[in-house]
PDB file of N, CA and C in Angstrom:
ATOM      1  N   MET A   1     -47.581   8.566 -30.486  1.00  0.00           N
ATOM      2  CA  MET A   1     -48.011   9.728 -29.733  1.00  0.00           C
ATOM      3  C   MET A   1     -46.965  10.038 -28.664  1.00  0.00           C
ATOM      4  N   GLU A   2     -46.648  11.277 -28.470  1.00  0.00           N
ATOM      5  CA  GLU A   2     -45.610  11.692 -27.533  1.00  0.00           C
ATOM      6  C   GLU A   2     -45.978  11.405 -26.081  1.00  0.00           C
ATOM      7  N   ILE A   3     -47.250  11.435 -25.760  1.00  0.00           N
ATOM      8  CA  ILE A   3     -47.686  11.147 -24.396  1.00  0.00           C
ATOM      9  C   ILE A   3     -47.306   9.718 -24.029  1.00  0.00           C
ATOM     10  N   GLU A   4     -47.463   8.816 -24.955  1.00  0.00           N
ATOM     11  CA  GLU A   4     -47.109   7.420 -24.705  1.00  0.00           C
ATOM     12  C   GLU A   4     -45.614   7.287 -24.437  1.00  0.00           C
ATOM     13  N   LYS A   5     -44.797   8.039 -25.150  1.00  0.00           N
ATOM     14  CA  LYS A   5     -43.350   8.014 -24.921  1.00  0.00           C
ATOM     15  C   LYS A   5     -43.017   8.544 -23.528  1.00  0.00           C
ATOM     16  N   ALA A   6     -43.688   9.603 -23.134  1.00  0.00           N
ATOM     17  CA  ALA A   6     -43.453  10.169 -21.803  1.00  0.00           C
ATOM     18  C   ALA A   6     -43.886   9.183 -20.720  1.00  0.00           C
ATOM     19  N   ASN A   7     -45.042   8.579 -20.893  1.00  0.00           N
ATOM     20  CA  ASN A   7     -45.517   7.584 -19.923  1.00  0.00           C
ATOM     21  C   ASN A   7     -44.550   6.416 -19.829  1.00  0.00           C
ATOM     22  N   ASP A   8     -44.044   5.971 -20.972  1.00  0.00           N
ATOM     23  CA  ASP A   8     -43.099   4.860 -20.985  1.00  0.00           C
ATOM     24  C   ASP A   8     -41.811   5.243 -20.259  1.00  0.00           C
ATOM     25  N   ALA A   9     -41.336   6.447 -20.489  1.00  0.00           N
ATOM     26  CA  ALA A   9     -40.108   6.897 -19.825  1.00  0.00           C
ATOM     27  C   ALA A   9     -40.294   6.951 -18.309  1.00  0.00           C
ATOM     28  N   ILE A  10     -41.429   7.433 -17.867  1.00  0.00           N
ATOM     29  CA  ILE A  10     -41.705   7.500 -16.430  1.00  0.00           C
ATOM     30  C   ILE A  10     -41.794   6.090 -15.855  1.00  0.00           C
ATOM     31  N   SER A  11     -42.459   5.212 -16.560  1.00  0.00           N
ATOM     32  CA  SER A  11     -42.589   3.833 -16.105  1.00  0.00           C
ATOM     33  C   SER A  11     -41.224   3.160 -15.997  1.00  0.00           C
ATOM     34  N   ARG A  12     -40.378   3.361 -16.995  1.00  0.00           N
ATOM     35  CA  ARG A  12     -39.042   2.764 -16.962  1.00  0.00           C
ATOM     36  C   ARG A  12     -38.220   3.338 -15.817  1.00  0.00           C
ATOM     37  N   TYR A  13     -38.343   4.622 -15.568  1.00  0.00           N
ATOM     38  CA  TYR A  13     -37.629   5.251 -14.452  1.00  0.00           C
ATOM     39  C   TYR A  13     -38.061   4.620 -13.129  1.00  0.00           C
ATOM     40  N   CYS A  14     -39.364   4.495 -12.949  1.00  0.00           N
ATOM     41  CA  CYS A  14     -39.892   3.957 -11.693  1.00  0.00           C
ATOM     42  C   CYS A  14     -39.453   2.522 -11.458  1.00  0.00           C
ATOM     43  N   LYS A  15     -39.349   1.740 -12.528  1.00  0.00           N
ATOM     44  CA  LYS A  15     -38.901   0.359 -12.399  1.00  0.00           C
ATOM     45  C   LYS A  15     -37.401   0.284 -12.118  1.00  0.00           C
ATOM     46  N   ALA A  16     -36.648   1.197 -12.700  1.00  0.00           N
ATOM     47  CA  ALA A  16     -35.190   1.149 -12.585  1.00  0.00           C
ATOM     48  C   ALA A  16     -34.667   1.738 -11.286  1.00  0.00           C
ATOM     49  N   VAL A  17     -35.386   2.705 -10.751  1.00  0.00           N
ATOM     50  CA  VAL A  17     -34.906   3.437  -9.584  1.00  0.00           C
ATOM     51  C   VAL A  17     -35.948   3.345  -8.475  1.00  0.00           C
ATOM     52  N   ASP A  18     -35.556   2.836  -7.356  1.00  0.00           N
ATOM     53  CA  ASP A  18     -36.477   2.770  -6.220  1.00  0.00           C
ATOM     54  C   ASP A  18     -36.332   4.057  -5.412  1.00  0.00           C
ATOM     55  N   ASN A  19     -37.002   5.097  -5.911  1.00  0.00           N
ATOM     56  CA  ASN A  19     -36.877   6.416  -5.303  1.00  0.00           C
ATOM     57  C   ASN A  19     -38.245   7.097  -5.308  1.00  0.00           C
ATOM     58  N   PRO A  20     -39.068   6.878  -4.285  1.00  0.00           N
ATOM     59  CA  PRO A  20     -40.406   7.474  -4.259  1.00  0.00           C
ATOM     60  C   PRO A  20     -40.413   8.996  -4.386  1.00  0.00           C
ATOM     61  N   LEU A  21     -39.407   9.665  -3.832  1.00  0.00           N
ATOM     62  CA  LEU A  21     -39.344  11.128  -3.979  1.00  0.00           C
ATOM     63  C   LEU A  21     -39.174  11.512  -5.440  1.00  0.00           C
ATOM     64  N   GLY A  22     -38.282  10.825  -6.128  1.00  0.00           N
ATOM     65  CA  GLY A  22     -38.066  11.096  -7.545  1.00  0.00           C
ATOM     66  C   GLY A  22     -39.288  10.769  -8.380  1.00  0.00           C
ATOM     67  N   GLU A  23     -39.959   9.671  -8.036  1.00  0.00           N
ATOM     68  CA  GLU A  23     -41.174   9.289  -8.747  1.00  0.00           C
ATOM     69  C   GLU A  23     -42.271  10.337  -8.557  1.00  0.00           C
ATOM     70  N   ALA A  24     -42.448  10.798  -7.338  1.00  0.00           N
ATOM     71  CA  ALA A  24     -43.453  11.830  -7.066  1.00  0.00           C
ATOM     72  C   ALA A  24     -43.126  13.100  -7.851  1.00  0.00           C
ATOM     73  N   GLU A  25     -41.872  13.499  -7.823  1.00  0.00           N
ATOM     74  CA  GLU A  25     -41.446  14.701  -8.549  1.00  0.00           C
ATOM     75  C   GLU A  25     -41.737  14.571 -10.042  1.00  0.00           C
ATOM     76  N   LEU A  26     -41.359  13.458 -10.617  1.00  0.00           N
ATOM     77  CA  LEU A  26     -41.532  13.252 -12.054  1.00  0.00           C
ATOM     78  C   LEU A  26     -43.006  13.220 -12.442  1.00  0.00           C
ATOM     79  N   ARG A  27     -43.805  12.506 -11.679  1.00  0.00           N
ATOM     80  CA  ARG A  27     -45.233  12.396 -11.998  1.00  0.00           C
ATOM     81  C   ARG A  27     -45.950  13.743 -11.844  1.00  0.00           C
ATOM     82  N   ILE A  28     -45.622  14.455 -10.795  1.00  0.00           N
ATOM     83  CA  ILE A  28     -46.265  15.758 -10.588  1.00  0.00           C
ATOM     84  C   ILE A  28     -45.819  16.740 -11.663  1.00  0.00           C
ATOM     85  N   PHE A  29     -44.548  16.743 -12.002  1.00  0.00           N
ATOM     86  CA  PHE A  29     -44.053  17.633 -13.057  1.00  0.00           C
ATOM     87  C   PHE A  29     -44.776  17.360 -14.373  1.00  0.00           C
ATOM     88  N   TYR A  30     -44.997  16.095 -14.678  1.00  0.00           N
ATOM     89  CA  TYR A  30     -45.716  15.686 -15.889  1.00  0.00           C
ATOM     90  C   TYR A  30     -47.103  16.338 -15.938  1.00  0.00           C
ATOM     91  N   VAL A  31     -47.833  16.243 -14.830  1.00  0.00           N
ATOM     92  CA  VAL A  31     -49.192  16.799 -14.792  1.00  0.00           C
ATOM     93  C   VAL A  31     -49.143  18.331 -14.783  1.00  0.00           C
ATOM     94  N   GLU A  32     -48.163  18.897 -14.114  1.00  0.00           N
ATOM     95  CA  GLU A  32     -48.009  20.354 -14.149  1.00  0.00           C
ATOM     96  C   GLU A  32     -47.814  20.830 -15.586  1.00  0.00           C
ATOM     97  N   CYS A  33     -46.963  20.149 -16.329  1.00  0.00           N
ATOM     98  CA  CYS A  33     -46.708  20.538 -17.722  1.00  0.00           C
ATOM     99  C   CYS A  33     -47.965  20.404 -18.571  1.00  0.00           C
ATOM    100  N   GLY A  34     -48.687  19.299 -18.421  1.00  0.00           N
ATOM    101  CA  GLY A  34     -49.910  19.104 -19.190  1.00  0.00           C
ATOM    102  C   GLY A  34     -50.968  20.145 -18.871  1.00  0.00           C
ATOM    103  N   THR A  35     -51.109  20.457 -17.592  1.00  0.00           N
ATOM    104  CA  THR A  35     -52.088  21.468 -17.181  1.00  0.00           C
ATOM    105  C   THR A  35     -51.676  22.841 -17.690  1.00  0.00           C
ATOM    106  N   ASN A  36     -50.410  23.182 -17.552  1.00  0.00           N
ATOM    107  CA  ASN A  36     -49.929  24.478 -18.037  1.00  0.00           C
ATOM    108  C   ASN A  36     -50.061  24.597 -19.551  1.00  0.00           C
ATOM    109  N   PHE A  37     -49.867  23.501 -20.270  1.00  0.00           N
ATOM    110  CA  PHE A  37     -50.042  23.509 -21.722  1.00  0.00           C
ATOM    111  C   PHE A  37     -51.479  23.885 -22.067  1.00  0.00           C
ATOM    112  N   THR A  38     -52.429  23.269 -21.372  1.00  0.00           N
ATOM    113  CA  THR A  38     -53.833  23.582 -21.612  1.00  0.00           C
ATOM    114  C   THR A  38     -54.138  25.034 -21.270  1.00  0.00           C
ATOM    115  N   LEU A  39     -53.610  25.503 -20.152  1.00  0.00           N
ATOM    116  CA  LEU A  39     -53.868  26.891 -19.756  1.00  0.00           C
ATOM    117  C   LEU A  39     -53.284  27.874 -20.760  1.00  0.00           C
ATOM    118  N   SER A  40     -52.198  27.500 -21.403  1.00  0.00           N
ATOM    119  CA  SER A  40     -51.558  28.374 -22.387  1.00  0.00           C
ATOM    120  C   SER A  40     -52.210  28.299 -23.764  1.00  0.00           C
ATOM    121  N   TYR A  41     -52.639  27.094 -24.168  1.00  0.00           N
ATOM    122  CA  TYR A  41     -53.065  26.888 -25.557  1.00  0.00           C
ATOM    123  C   TYR A  41     -54.508  26.444 -25.726  1.00  0.00           C
ATOM    124  N   GLY A  42     -55.216  26.185 -24.646  1.00  0.00           N
ATOM    125  CA  GLY A  42     -56.619  25.800 -24.742  1.00  0.00           C
ATOM    126  C   GLY A  42     -56.842  24.303 -24.595  1.00  0.00           C
ATOM    127  N   ASP A  43     -58.115  23.940 -24.508  1.00  0.00           N
ATOM    128  CA  ASP A  43     -58.501  22.543 -24.305  1.00  0.00           C
ATOM    129  C   ASP A  43     -57.961  21.649 -25.417  1.00  0.00           C
ATOM    130  N   ILE A  44     -57.718  20.399 -25.040  1.00  0.00           N
ATOM    131  CA  ILE A  44     -57.157  19.441 -25.991  1.00  0.00           C
ATOM    132  C   ILE A  44     -58.232  18.406 -26.317  1.00  0.00           C
ATOM    133  N   ASP A  45     -58.213  17.238 -25.686  1.00  0.00           N
ATOM    134  CA  ASP A  45     -59.259  16.240 -25.929  1.00  0.00           C
ATOM    135  C   ASP A  45     -59.388  15.319 -24.720  1.00  0.00           C
ATOM    136  N   ALA A  46     -60.420  14.495 -24.742  1.00  0.00           N
ATOM    137  CA  ALA A  46     -60.722  13.635 -23.600  1.00  0.00           C
ATOM    138  C   ALA A  46     -59.581  12.663 -23.297  1.00  0.00           C
ATOM    139  N   ASP A  47     -58.964  12.100 -24.317  1.00  0.00           N
ATOM    140  CA  ASP A  47     -57.862  11.159 -24.090  1.00  0.00           C
ATOM    141  C   ASP A  47     -56.705  11.824 -23.349  1.00  0.00           C
ATOM    142  N   PHE A  48     -56.405  13.048 -23.717  1.00  0.00           N
ATOM    143  CA  PHE A  48     -55.326  13.797 -23.055  1.00  0.00           C
ATOM    144  C   PHE A  48     -55.637  13.961 -21.571  1.00  0.00           C
ATOM    145  N   TYR A  49     -56.858  14.376 -21.263  1.00  0.00           N
ATOM    146  CA  TYR A  49     -57.217  14.609 -19.860  1.00  0.00           C
ATOM    147  C   TYR A  49     -57.346  13.304 -19.078  1.00  0.00           C
ATOM    148  N   ASP A  50     -57.778  12.249 -19.738  1.00  0.00           N
ATOM    149  CA  ASP A  50     -57.789  10.940 -19.070  1.00  0.00           C
ATOM    150  C   ASP A  50     -56.371  10.546 -18.671  1.00  0.00           C
ATOM    151  N   ASP A  51     -55.425  10.773 -19.572  1.00  0.00           N
ATOM    152  CA  ASP A  51     -54.033  10.466 -19.273  1.00  0.00           C
ATOM    153  C   ASP A  51     -53.511  11.336 -18.128  1.00  0.00           C
ATOM    154  N   MET A  52     -53.842  12.609 -18.151  1.00  0.00           N
ATOM    155  CA  MET A  52     -53.398  13.502 -17.078  1.00  0.00           C
ATOM    156  C   MET A  52     -53.984  13.064 -15.729  1.00  0.00           C
ATOM    157  N   LEU A  53     -55.256  12.680 -15.737  1.00  0.00           N
ATOM    158  CA  LEU A  53     -55.889  12.220 -14.498  1.00  0.00           C
ATOM    159  C   LEU A  53     -55.256  10.926 -13.994  1.00  0.00           C
ATOM    160  N   ASN A  54     -54.931  10.025 -14.907  1.00  0.00           N
ATOM    161  CA  ASN A  54     -54.264   8.787 -14.495  1.00  0.00           C
ATOM    162  C   ASN A  54     -52.916   9.082 -13.845  1.00  0.00           C
ATOM    163  N   MET A  55     -52.143   9.975 -14.449  1.00  0.00           N
ATOM    164  CA  MET A  55     -50.841  10.303 -13.891  1.00  0.00           C
ATOM    165  C   MET A  55     -50.998  11.044 -12.564  1.00  0.00           C
ATOM    166  N   TYR A  56     -51.996  11.908 -12.458  1.00  0.00           N
ATOM    167  CA  TYR A  56     -52.260  12.615 -11.200  1.00  0.00           C
ATOM    168  C   TYR A  56     -52.590  11.595 -10.108  1.00  0.00           C
ATOM    169  N   GLU A  57     -53.381  10.592 -10.460  1.00  0.00           N
ATOM    170  CA  GLU A  57     -53.727   9.551  -9.489  1.00  0.00           C
ATOM    171  C   GLU A  57     -52.473   8.799  -9.042  1.00  0.00           C
ATOM    172  N   TYR A  58     -51.606   8.440  -9.989  1.00  0.00           N
ATOM    173  CA  TYR A  58     -50.339   7.784  -9.629  1.00  0.00           C
ATOM    174  C   TYR A  58     -49.488   8.690  -8.748  1.00  0.00           C
ATOM    175  N   ALA A  59     -49.484   9.979  -9.057  1.00  0.00           N
ATOM    176  CA  ALA A  59     -48.716  10.935  -8.253  1.00  0.00           C
ATOM    177  C   ALA A  59     -49.255  10.987  -6.827  1.00  0.00           C
ATOM    178  N   VAL A  60     -50.566  11.051  -6.696  1.00  0.00           N
ATOM    179  CA  VAL A  60     -51.186  11.074  -5.374  1.00  0.00           C
ATOM    180  C   VAL A  60     -50.821   9.812  -4.596  1.00  0.00           C
ATOM    181  N   GLU A  61     -50.931   8.667  -5.239  1.00  0.00           N
ATOM    182  CA  GLU A  61     -50.600   7.400  -4.574  1.00  0.00           C
ATOM    183  C   GLU A  61     -49.142   7.379  -4.125  1.00  0.00           C
ATOM    184  N   THR A  62     -48.266   7.898  -4.957  1.00  0.00           N
ATOM    185  CA  THR A  62     -46.841   7.942  -4.611  1.00  0.00           C
ATOM    186  C   THR A  62     -46.604   8.860  -3.426  1.00  0.00           C
ATOM    187  N   VAL A  63     -47.243  10.014  -3.434  1.00  0.00           N
ATOM    188  CA  VAL A  63     -47.093  10.970  -2.329  1.00  0.00           C
ATOM    189  C   VAL A  63     -47.600  10.366  -1.027  1.00  0.00           C
ATOM    190  N   LEU A  64     -48.701   9.658  -1.080  1.00  0.00           N
ATOM    191  CA  LEU A  64     -49.259   9.058   0.139  1.00  0.00           C
ATOM    192  C   LEU A  64     -48.357   7.982   0.735  1.00  0.00           C
ATOM    193  N   GLU A  65     -47.449   7.431  -0.053  1.00  0.00           N
ATOM    194  CA  GLU A  65     -46.502   6.434   0.447  1.00  0.00           C
ATOM    195  C   GLU A  65     -45.322   7.078   1.178  1.00  0.00           C
ATOM    196  N   LEU A  66     -45.150   8.373   1.011  1.00  0.00           N
ATOM    197  CA  LEU A  66     -44.035   9.080   1.641  1.00  0.00           C
ATOM    198  C   LEU A  66     -44.345   9.374   3.105  1.00  0.00           C
ATOM    199  N   PRO A  67     -43.319   9.568   3.916  1.00  0.00           N
ATOM    200  CA  PRO A  67     -43.548  10.015   5.288  1.00  0.00           C
ATOM    201  C   PRO A  67     -44.256  11.379   5.282  1.00  0.00           C
ATOM    202  N   PRO A  68     -45.109  11.643   6.274  1.00  0.00           N
ATOM    203  CA  PRO A  68     -45.882  12.891   6.296  1.00  0.00           C
ATOM    204  C   PRO A  68     -45.038  14.151   6.090  1.00  0.00           C
ATOM    205  N   LYS A  69     -43.858  14.191   6.660  1.00  0.00           N
ATOM    206  CA  LYS A  69     -43.022  15.384   6.519  1.00  0.00           C
ATOM    207  C   LYS A  69     -42.641  15.637   5.057  1.00  0.00           C
ATOM    208  N   GLU A  70     -42.419  14.563   4.309  1.00  0.00           N
ATOM    209  CA  GLU A  70     -42.025  14.692   2.905  1.00  0.00           C
ATOM    210  C   GLU A  70     -43.213  14.923   1.975  1.00  0.00           C
ATOM    211  N   GLN A  71     -44.418  14.679   2.458  1.00  0.00           N
ATOM    212  CA  GLN A  71     -45.614  14.862   1.637  1.00  0.00           C
ATOM    213  C   GLN A  71     -45.964  16.328   1.426  1.00  0.00           C
ATOM    214  N   LYS A  72     -45.588  17.173   2.350  1.00  0.00           N
ATOM    215  CA  LYS A  72     -46.084  18.552   2.397  1.00  0.00           C
ATOM    216  C   LYS A  72     -45.886  19.325   1.092  1.00  0.00           C
ATOM    217  N   VAL A  73     -44.679  19.358   0.562  1.00  0.00           N
ATOM    218  CA  VAL A  73     -44.418  20.140  -0.642  1.00  0.00           C
ATOM    219  C   VAL A  73     -45.147  19.544  -1.849  1.00  0.00           C
ATOM    220  N   PHE A  74     -45.205  18.224  -1.913  1.00  0.00           N
ATOM    221  CA  PHE A  74     -45.890  17.584  -3.035  1.00  0.00           C
ATOM    222  C   PHE A  74     -47.401  17.804  -2.946  1.00  0.00           C
ATOM    223  N   LYS A  75     -47.929  17.738  -1.756  1.00  0.00           N
ATOM    224  CA  LYS A  75     -49.360  17.981  -1.556  1.00  0.00           C
ATOM    225  C   LYS A  75     -49.715  19.396  -2.010  1.00  0.00           C
ATOM    226  N   ALA A  76     -48.870  20.360  -1.697  1.00  0.00           N
ATOM    227  CA  ALA A  76     -49.113  21.742  -2.119  1.00  0.00           C
ATOM    228  C   ALA A  76     -49.113  21.852  -3.644  1.00  0.00           C
ATOM    229  N   ARG A  77     -48.202  21.159  -4.288  1.00  0.00           N
ATOM    230  CA  ARG A  77     -48.154  21.202  -5.755  1.00  0.00           C
ATOM    231  C   ARG A  77     -49.377  20.524  -6.366  1.00  0.00           C
ATOM    232  N   LEU A  78     -49.811  19.408  -5.775  1.00  0.00           N
ATOM    233  CA  LEU A  78     -51.020  18.745  -6.259  1.00  0.00           C
ATOM    234  C   LEU A  78     -52.232  19.659  -6.111  1.00  0.00           C
ATOM    235  N   GLN A  79     -52.291  20.368  -5.015  1.00  0.00           N
ATOM    236  CA  GLN A  79     -53.396  21.313  -4.805  1.00  0.00           C
ATOM    237  C   GLN A  79     -53.336  22.446  -5.825  1.00  0.00           C
ATOM    238  N   THR A  80     -52.157  22.955  -6.105  1.00  0.00           N
ATOM    239  CA  THR A  80     -52.002  24.028  -7.089  1.00  0.00           C
ATOM    240  C   THR A  80     -52.456  23.568  -8.470  1.00  0.00           C
ATOM    241  N   ILE A  81     -52.096  22.350  -8.847  1.00  0.00           N
ATOM    242  CA  ILE A  81     -52.556  21.804 -10.129  1.00  0.00           C
ATOM    243  C   ILE A  81     -54.074  21.793 -10.165  1.00  0.00           C
ATOM    244  N   MET A  82     -54.670  21.252  -9.112  1.00  0.00           N
ATOM    245  CA  MET A  82     -56.124  21.146  -9.046  1.00  0.00           C
ATOM    246  C   MET A  82     -56.771  22.527  -9.169  1.00  0.00           C
ATOM    247  N   GLU A  83     -56.306  23.469  -8.392  1.00  0.00           N
ATOM    248  CA  GLU A  83     -56.905  24.804  -8.399  1.00  0.00           C
ATOM    249  C   GLU A  83     -56.717  25.511  -9.738  1.00  0.00           C
ATOM    250  N   SER A  84     -55.573  25.318 -10.363  1.00  0.00           N
ATOM    251  CA  SER A  84     -55.320  26.001 -11.632  1.00  0.00           C
ATOM    252  C   SER A  84     -56.158  25.423 -12.765  1.00  0.00           C
ATOM    253  N   ALA A  85     -56.660  24.198 -12.590  1.00  0.00           N
ATOM    254  CA  ALA A  85     -57.442  23.541 -13.637  1.00  0.00           C
ATOM    255  C   ALA A  85     -58.908  23.956 -13.633  1.00  0.00           C
ATOM    256  N   ASP A  86     -59.315  24.788 -12.694  1.00  0.00           N
ATOM    257  CA  ASP A  86     -60.707  25.234 -12.651  1.00  0.00           C
ATOM    258  C   ASP A  86     -61.059  25.891 -13.979  1.00  0.00           C
ATOM    259  N   GLY A  87     -62.067  25.366 -14.630  1.00  0.00           N
ATOM    260  CA  GLY A  87     -62.498  25.901 -15.915  1.00  0.00           C
ATOM    261  C   GLY A  87     -62.046  25.062 -17.103  1.00  0.00           C
ATOM    262  N   ILE A  88     -61.137  24.128 -16.887  1.00  0.00           N
ATOM    263  CA  ILE A  88     -60.733  23.228 -17.965  1.00  0.00           C
ATOM    264  C   ILE A  88     -61.823  22.178 -18.141  1.00  0.00           C
ATOM    265  N   GLY A  89     -62.145  21.881 -19.370  1.00  0.00           N
ATOM    266  CA  GLY A  89     -63.246  20.977 -19.680  1.00  0.00           C
ATOM    267  C   GLY A  89     -62.910  19.508 -19.588  1.00  0.00           C
ATOM    268  N   TRP A  90     -63.789  18.701 -20.175  1.00  0.00           N
ATOM    269  CA  TRP A  90     -63.643  17.251 -20.274  1.00  0.00           C
ATOM    270  C   TRP A  90     -63.662  16.548 -18.916  1.00  0.00           C
ATOM    271  N   GLY A  91     -64.179  17.201 -17.872  1.00  0.00           N
ATOM    272  CA  GLY A  91     -64.244  16.605 -16.547  1.00  0.00           C
ATOM    273  C   GLY A  91     -62.910  16.599 -15.821  1.00  0.00           C
ATOM    274  N   TYR A  92     -61.933  17.295 -16.387  1.00  0.00           N
ATOM    275  CA  TYR A  92     -60.586  17.285 -15.819  1.00  0.00           C
ATOM    276  C   TYR A  92     -60.564  17.900 -14.422  1.00  0.00           C
ATOM    277  N   TYR A  93     -61.116  19.079 -14.290  1.00  0.00           N
ATOM    278  CA  TYR A  93     -61.111  19.751 -12.989  1.00  0.00           C
ATOM    279  C   TYR A  93     -61.836  18.909 -11.939  1.00  0.00           C
ATOM    280  N   ASP A  94     -63.005  18.409 -12.282  1.00  0.00           N
ATOM    281  CA  ASP A  94     -63.776  17.597 -11.336  1.00  0.00           C
ATOM    282  C   ASP A  94     -63.014  16.329 -10.942  1.00  0.00           C
ATOM    283  N   GLY A  95     -62.350  15.713 -11.907  1.00  0.00           N
ATOM    284  CA  GLY A  95     -61.567  14.519 -11.620  1.00  0.00           C
ATOM    285  C   GLY A  95     -60.411  14.809 -10.678  1.00  0.00           C
ATOM    286  N   LEU A  96     -59.717  15.926 -10.920  1.00  0.00           N
ATOM    287  CA  LEU A  96     -58.629  16.325 -10.031  1.00  0.00           C
ATOM    288  C   LEU A  96     -59.144  16.560  -8.618  1.00  0.00           C
ATOM    289  N   CYS A  97     -60.266  17.258  -8.508  1.00  0.00           N
ATOM    290  CA  CYS A  97     -60.848  17.552  -7.189  1.00  0.00           C
ATOM    291  C   CYS A  97     -61.200  16.262  -6.453  1.00  0.00           C
ATOM    292  N   ASP A  98     -61.812  15.324  -7.162  1.00  0.00           N
ATOM    293  CA  ASP A  98     -62.178  14.052  -6.533  1.00  0.00           C
ATOM    294  C   ASP A  98     -60.946  13.309  -6.023  1.00  0.00           C
ATOM    295  N   LEU A  99     -59.920  13.227  -6.861  1.00  0.00           N
ATOM    296  CA  LEU A  99     -58.701  12.521  -6.467  1.00  0.00           C
ATOM    297  C   LEU A  99     -58.025  13.206  -5.281  1.00  0.00           C
ATOM    298  N   TYR A 100     -57.926  14.526  -5.329  1.00  0.00           N
ATOM    299  CA  TYR A 100     -57.268  15.264  -4.256  1.00  0.00           C
ATOM    300  C   TYR A 100     -58.062  15.150  -2.957  1.00  0.00           C
ATOM    301  N   ASP A 101     -59.353  15.391  -3.031  1.00  0.00           N
ATOM    302  CA  ASP A 101     -60.191  15.371  -1.827  1.00  0.00           C
ATOM    303  C   ASP A 101     -60.258  13.990  -1.193  1.00  0.00           C
ATOM    304  N   ASN A 102     -60.248  12.940  -1.989  1.00  0.00           N
ATOM    305  CA  ASN A 102     -60.248  11.583  -1.437  1.00  0.00           C
ATOM    306  C   ASN A 102     -58.924  11.250  -0.773  1.00  0.00           C
ATOM    307  N   ALA A 103     -57.838  11.753  -1.334  1.00  0.00           N
ATOM    308  CA  ALA A 103     -56.514  11.468  -0.786  1.00  0.00           C
ATOM    309  C   ALA A 103     -56.197  12.311   0.448  1.00  0.00           C
ATOM    310  N   PHE A 104     -56.652  13.553   0.433  1.00  0.00           N
ATOM    311  CA  PHE A 104     -56.333  14.493   1.500  1.00  0.00           C
ATOM    312  C   PHE A 104     -57.622  15.129   2.040  1.00  0.00           C
ATOM    313  N   PRO A 105     -58.447  14.353   2.721  1.00  0.00           N
ATOM    314  CA  PRO A 105     -59.745  14.867   3.181  1.00  0.00           C
ATOM    315  C   PRO A 105     -59.626  16.025   4.162  1.00  0.00           C
ATOM    316  N   GLU A 106     -58.470  16.151   4.806  1.00  0.00           N
ATOM    317  CA  GLU A 106     -58.298  17.244   5.764  1.00  0.00           C
ATOM    318  C   GLU A 106     -58.016  18.581   5.076  1.00  0.00           C
ATOM    319  N   GLY A 107     -57.875  18.561   3.746  1.00  0.00           N
ATOM    320  CA  GLY A 107     -57.682  19.805   2.993  1.00  0.00           C
ATOM    321  C   GLY A 107     -56.305  20.130   2.624  1.00  0.00           C
TER     322      GLY A 107
END
């Protein structure tokens, strides 16, 4: 499955390069692409959305490790992903909202 290859590539990058900014960028881009794919072509399946939620959670955790000044642009992108997923099934939107709201309770 191609998702597994992408996850493996991201994992190898994170192990090889100690660059939280790069990790945040890569993880968020991954979820942006998956969300945009769904918005363009329709719902996929529960496994796909579980994977997207897992990567979103990793992205959130990575962003929270950054200094507050560097979090701002990534936080905005995470919020955009969440908002754009409204109406996507399989609990994806609700999962994104829970992860975002728990990480950034101030909004």
